[in-house]
Amino acid sequence: MTPSRLILFIIATMTLPALAQTVPEGADPAHRQAALELCEVMEMEATLAASINAMMNLQMRNNQMLTQHRSALDTFFRRHMSWDALKDEFLALYMESFTEAELKEMTAFYRTPTGKKAIRLMPELVQKGAEIGIRRVENNRRELQRLIVEGKK
């Protein structure tokens, strides 16, 4: 997998939450508020920005050709991947995935010292996880290429 294909894959993966429906009209306001409170406690805006920045830095290190486009990529991600751009989709995703009671339980956890640590480390963990994935693909690139060629037959 070339670095350009890999970045497209990572970008596509990062955008999956945006595919969720927006919060439906008539949704329970208390359920929406519980989702919003969880996102606020999780510092979703800062975590999302830091995660995107970490992924961009990783991609810049792995593909020097992208560095000339950093400004354009930053503009694009601020416009389409920021908390403001994704807020409604994330709220819908959490409301679809968790009950109001579950959201409140998660919020309580993220207010604990361990929960706060998890929030603080999330961007770093995302970056390290991506590095693991990139290394795994690179270390097994020949097998992947062989499987792709065999699959075309």
C-alpha atoms as a PDB file:
ATOM      1  CA  MET A   1       0.000   0.000   0.000  1.00  0.00           C
ATOM      2  CA  THR A   2       1.542   3.286  -1.055  1.00  0.00           C
ATOM      3  CA  PRO A   3       1.695   6.156   1.440  1.00  0.00           C
ATOM      4  CA  SER A   4      -0.887   8.072  -0.606  1.00  0.00           C
ATOM      5  CA  ARG A   5      -3.322   5.146  -0.542  1.00  0.00           C
ATOM      6  CA  LEU A   6      -2.674   4.693   3.157  1.00  0.00           C
ATOM      7  CA  ILE A   7      -3.484   8.322   3.935  1.00  0.00           C
ATOM      8  CA  LEU A   8      -6.686   8.045   1.922  1.00  0.00           C
ATOM      9  CA  PHE A   9      -7.601   4.942   3.926  1.00  0.00           C
ATOM     10  CA  ILE A  10      -6.873   6.699   7.214  1.00  0.00           C
ATOM     11  CA  ILE A  11      -8.817   9.787   6.159  1.00  0.00           C
ATOM     12  CA  ALA A  12     -11.761   7.615   5.111  1.00  0.00           C
ATOM     13  CA  THR A  13     -11.620   5.775   8.436  1.00  0.00           C
ATOM     14  CA  MET A  14     -11.540   9.033  10.352  1.00  0.00           C
ATOM     15  CA  THR A  15     -14.596  10.271   8.487  1.00  0.00           C
ATOM     16  CA  LEU A  16     -16.795   7.279   9.302  1.00  0.00           C
ATOM     17  CA  PRO A  17     -18.415   9.051  12.272  1.00  0.00           C
ATOM     18  CA  ALA A  18     -19.561  11.752   9.866  1.00  0.00           C
ATOM     19  CA  LEU A  19     -21.705   9.179   8.077  1.00  0.00           C
ATOM     20  CA  ALA A  20     -24.034   8.954  11.056  1.00  0.00           C
ATOM     21  CA  GLN A  21     -27.426  10.622  10.824  1.00  0.00           C
ATOM     22  CA  THR A  22     -27.878  13.997  12.437  1.00  0.00           C
ATOM     23  CA  VAL A  23     -29.882  14.198  15.635  1.00  0.00           C
ATOM     24  CA  PRO A  24     -33.447  13.549  14.499  1.00  0.00           C
ATOM     25  CA  GLU A  25     -36.095  16.152  15.079  1.00  0.00           C
ATOM     26  CA  GLY A  26     -38.193  15.221  18.048  1.00  0.00           C
ATOM     27  CA  ALA A  27     -35.308  13.368  19.738  1.00  0.00           C
ATOM     28  CA  ASP A  28     -35.521  13.328  23.497  1.00  0.00           C
ATOM     29  CA  PRO A  29     -33.825  16.556  24.651  1.00  0.00           C
ATOM     30  CA  ALA A  30     -32.558  14.865  27.838  1.00  0.00           C
ATOM     31  CA  HIS A  31     -30.927  12.107  25.771  1.00  0.00           C
ATOM     32  CA  ARG A  32     -29.286  14.710  23.519  1.00  0.00           C
ATOM     33  CA  GLN A  33     -28.130  16.693  26.565  1.00  0.00           C
ATOM     34  CA  ALA A  34     -26.591  13.539  28.064  1.00  0.00           C
ATOM     35  CA  ALA A  35     -24.693  12.935  24.802  1.00  0.00           C
ATOM     36  CA  LEU A  36     -23.559  16.553  24.687  1.00  0.00           C
ATOM     37  CA  GLU A  37     -22.421  16.458  28.310  1.00  0.00           C
ATOM     38  CA  LEU A  38     -20.420  13.289  27.654  1.00  0.00           C
ATOM     39  CA  CYS A  39     -18.728  14.900  24.661  1.00  0.00           C
ATOM     40  CA  GLU A  40     -17.928  17.983  26.723  1.00  0.00           C
ATOM     41  CA  VAL A  41     -16.512  15.942  29.622  1.00  0.00           C
ATOM     42  CA  MET A  42     -14.480  13.914  27.120  1.00  0.00           C
ATOM     43  CA  GLU A  43     -13.139  17.230  25.795  1.00  0.00           C
ATOM     44  CA  MET A  44     -14.177  16.008  22.371  1.00  0.00           C
ATOM     45  CA  GLU A  45     -13.340  19.280  20.629  1.00  0.00           C
ATOM     46  CA  ALA A  46      -9.737  19.340  21.881  1.00  0.00           C
ATOM     47  CA  THR A  47      -9.321  15.563  21.603  1.00  0.00           C
ATOM     48  CA  LEU A  48     -10.556  15.544  18.013  1.00  0.00           C
ATOM     49  CA  ALA A  49      -8.259  18.439  17.072  1.00  0.00           C
ATOM     50  CA  ALA A  50      -5.255  16.808  18.767  1.00  0.00           C
ATOM     51  CA  SER A  51      -5.985  13.431  17.159  1.00  0.00           C
ATOM     52  CA  ILE A  52      -6.224  14.960  13.704  1.00  0.00           C
ATOM     53  CA  ASN A  53      -3.030  16.912  14.277  1.00  0.00           C
ATOM     54  CA  ALA A  54      -1.232  13.760  15.461  1.00  0.00           C
ATOM     55  CA  MET A  55      -2.420  11.826  12.406  1.00  0.00           C
ATOM     56  CA  MET A  56      -1.334  14.637  10.114  1.00  0.00           C
ATOM     57  CA  ASN A  57       2.104  14.769  11.732  1.00  0.00           C
ATOM     58  CA  LEU A  58       2.455  11.018  11.332  1.00  0.00           C
ATOM     59  CA  GLN A  59       1.502  11.221   7.677  1.00  0.00           C
ATOM     60  CA  MET A  60       3.941  14.086   7.104  1.00  0.00           C
ATOM     61  CA  ARG A  61       6.756  12.016   8.628  1.00  0.00           C
ATOM     62  CA  ASN A  62       5.861   8.995   6.498  1.00  0.00           C
ATOM     63  CA  ASN A  63       5.280  10.891   3.258  1.00  0.00           C
ATOM     64  CA  GLN A  64       7.438  13.983   2.884  1.00  0.00           C
ATOM     65  CA  MET A  65       5.559  14.908  -0.313  1.00  0.00           C
ATOM     66  CA  LEU A  66       2.533  15.822   1.830  1.00  0.00           C
ATOM     67  CA  THR A  67       4.424  18.522   3.749  1.00  0.00           C
ATOM     68  CA  GLN A  68       4.029  20.944   0.848  1.00  0.00           C
ATOM     69  CA  HIS A  69       0.245  20.565   1.235  1.00  0.00           C
ATOM     70  CA  ARG A  70       0.093  20.917   5.028  1.00  0.00           C
ATOM     71  CA  SER A  71      -1.652  24.288   4.951  1.00  0.00           C
ATOM     72  CA  ALA A  72      -4.349  23.052   2.561  1.00  0.00           C
ATOM     73  CA  LEU A  73      -4.851  19.866   4.587  1.00  0.00           C
ATOM     74  CA  ASP A  74      -5.101  21.866   7.822  1.00  0.00           C
ATOM     75  CA  THR A  75      -7.700  24.158   6.250  1.00  0.00           C
ATOM     76  CA  PHE A  76      -9.679  21.197   4.936  1.00  0.00           C
ATOM     77  CA  PHE A  77      -9.675  19.364   8.274  1.00  0.00           C
ATOM     78  CA  ARG A  78     -10.585  22.502  10.247  1.00  0.00           C
ATOM     79  CA  ARG A  79     -13.478  23.053   7.848  1.00  0.00           C
ATOM     80  CA  HIS A  80     -14.805  19.481   7.619  1.00  0.00           C
ATOM     81  CA  MET A  81     -13.416  17.504  10.560  1.00  0.00           C
ATOM     82  CA  SER A  82     -13.590  20.011  13.415  1.00  0.00           C
ATOM     83  CA  TRP A  83     -15.901  19.618  16.377  1.00  0.00           C
ATOM     84  CA  ASP A  84     -18.150  22.356  15.010  1.00  0.00           C
ATOM     85  CA  ALA A  85     -18.494  20.490  11.715  1.00  0.00           C
ATOM     86  CA  LEU A  86     -19.053  17.065  13.281  1.00  0.00           C
ATOM     87  CA  LYS A  87     -20.902  17.882  16.505  1.00  0.00           C
ATOM     88  CA  ASP A  88     -24.408  16.930  15.356  1.00  0.00           C
ATOM     89  CA  GLU A  89     -23.210  13.689  13.772  1.00  0.00           C
ATOM     90  CA  PHE A  90     -21.270  12.703  16.894  1.00  0.00           C
ATOM     91  CA  LEU A  91     -24.263  13.451  19.106  1.00  0.00           C
ATOM     92  CA  ALA A  92     -26.472  11.335  16.848  1.00  0.00           C
ATOM     93  CA  LEU A  93     -23.896   8.541  16.897  1.00  0.00           C
ATOM     94  CA  TYR A  94     -23.727   8.510  20.690  1.00  0.00           C
ATOM     95  CA  MET A  95     -27.508   8.761  21.025  1.00  0.00           C
ATOM     96  CA  GLU A  96     -27.944   5.862  18.624  1.00  0.00           C
ATOM     97  CA  SER A  97     -25.315   3.758  20.383  1.00  0.00           C
ATOM     98  CA  PHE A  98     -26.086   4.429  24.049  1.00  0.00           C
ATOM     99  CA  THR A  99     -29.112   5.011  26.205  1.00  0.00           C
ATOM    100  CA  GLU A 100     -29.389   8.192  28.222  1.00  0.00           C
ATOM    101  CA  ALA A 101     -28.504   6.220  31.368  1.00  0.00           C
ATOM    102  CA  GLU A 102     -25.407   4.715  29.718  1.00  0.00           C
ATOM    103  CA  LEU A 103     -24.261   8.141  28.560  1.00  0.00           C
ATOM    104  CA  LYS A 104     -24.563   9.405  32.126  1.00  0.00           C
ATOM    105  CA  GLU A 105     -22.546   6.432  33.420  1.00  0.00           C
ATOM    106  CA  MET A 106     -19.825   7.138  30.867  1.00  0.00           C
ATOM    107  CA  THR A 107     -19.827  10.813  31.823  1.00  0.00           C
ATOM    108  CA  ALA A 108     -19.362   9.854  35.463  1.00  0.00           C
ATOM    109  CA  PHE A 109     -16.383   7.650  34.500  1.00  0.00           C
ATOM    110  CA  TYR A 110     -14.702  10.383  32.484  1.00  0.00           C
ATOM    111  CA  ARG A 111     -14.923  12.680  35.499  1.00  0.00           C
ATOM    112  CA  THR A 112     -12.765  10.258  37.516  1.00  0.00           C
ATOM    113  CA  PRO A 113      -8.940  10.507  37.565  1.00  0.00           C
ATOM    114  CA  THR A 114      -8.695   7.398  35.353  1.00  0.00           C
ATOM    115  CA  GLY A 115     -11.245   8.796  32.922  1.00  0.00           C
ATOM    116  CA  LYS A 116      -9.387  12.110  32.751  1.00  0.00           C
ATOM    117  CA  LYS A 117      -6.157  10.215  32.075  1.00  0.00           C
ATOM    118  CA  ALA A 118      -7.855   8.294  29.260  1.00  0.00           C
ATOM    119  CA  ILE A 119      -8.996  11.577  27.711  1.00  0.00           C
ATOM    120  CA  ARG A 120      -5.532  13.105  28.035  1.00  0.00           C
ATOM    121  CA  LEU A 121      -3.820  10.089  26.434  1.00  0.00           C
ATOM    122  CA  MET A 122      -6.325   9.483  23.625  1.00  0.00           C
ATOM    123  CA  PRO A 123      -4.566  11.543  20.899  1.00  0.00           C
ATOM    124  CA  GLU A 124      -1.251   9.857  21.700  1.00  0.00           C
ATOM    125  CA  LEU A 125      -2.880   6.427  21.693  1.00  0.00           C
ATOM    126  CA  VAL A 126      -4.526   7.143  18.339  1.00  0.00           C
ATOM    127  CA  GLN A 127      -1.159   8.171  16.894  1.00  0.00           C
ATOM    128  CA  LYS A 128       0.656   5.150  18.313  1.00  0.00           C
ATOM    129  CA  GLY A 129      -2.113   2.863  17.084  1.00  0.00           C
ATOM    130  CA  ALA A 130      -1.773   4.326  13.601  1.00  0.00           C
ATOM    131  CA  GLU A 131       1.995   3.822  13.757  1.00  0.00           C
ATOM    132  CA  ILE A 132       1.460   0.172  14.659  1.00  0.00           C
ATOM    133  CA  GLY A 133      -0.894  -0.231  11.704  1.00  0.00           C
ATOM    134  CA  ILE A 134       1.498   1.465   9.297  1.00  0.00           C
ATOM    135  CA  ARG A 135       4.417  -0.681  10.473  1.00  0.00           C
ATOM    136  CA  ARG A 136       2.325  -3.828  10.146  1.00  0.00           C
ATOM    137  CA  VAL A 137       1.300  -2.956   6.588  1.00  0.00           C
ATOM    138  CA  GLU A 138       4.857  -2.015   5.631  1.00  0.00           C
ATOM    139  CA  ASN A 139       6.326  -5.163   7.217  1.00  0.00           C
ATOM    140  CA  ASN A 140       3.862  -7.327   5.303  1.00  0.00           C
ATOM    141  CA  ARG A 141       3.591  -5.293   2.111  1.00  0.00           C
ATOM    142  CA  ARG A 142       4.866  -8.085  -0.137  1.00  0.00           C
ATOM    143  CA  GLU A 143       2.202 -10.469   1.158  1.00  0.00           C
ATOM    144  CA  LEU A 144      -0.488  -7.850   0.643  1.00  0.00           C
ATOM    145  CA  GLN A 145       0.707  -7.192  -2.905  1.00  0.00           C
ATOM    146  CA  ARG A 146       0.758 -10.944  -3.617  1.00  0.00           C
ATOM    147  CA  LEU A 147      -2.779 -11.385  -2.267  1.00  0.00           C
ATOM    148  CA  ILE A 148      -3.997  -8.485  -4.369  1.00  0.00           C
ATOM    149  CA  VAL A 149      -2.398  -9.908  -7.507  1.00  0.00           C
ATOM    150  CA  GLU A 150      -3.811 -13.378  -6.754  1.00  0.00           C
ATOM    151  CA  GLY A 151      -7.240 -11.874  -6.162  1.00  0.00           C
ATOM    152  CA  LYS A 152      -7.271 -10.345  -9.627  1.00  0.00           C
ATOM    153  CA  LYS A 153      -6.969 -13.785 -11.223  1.00  0.00           C
END
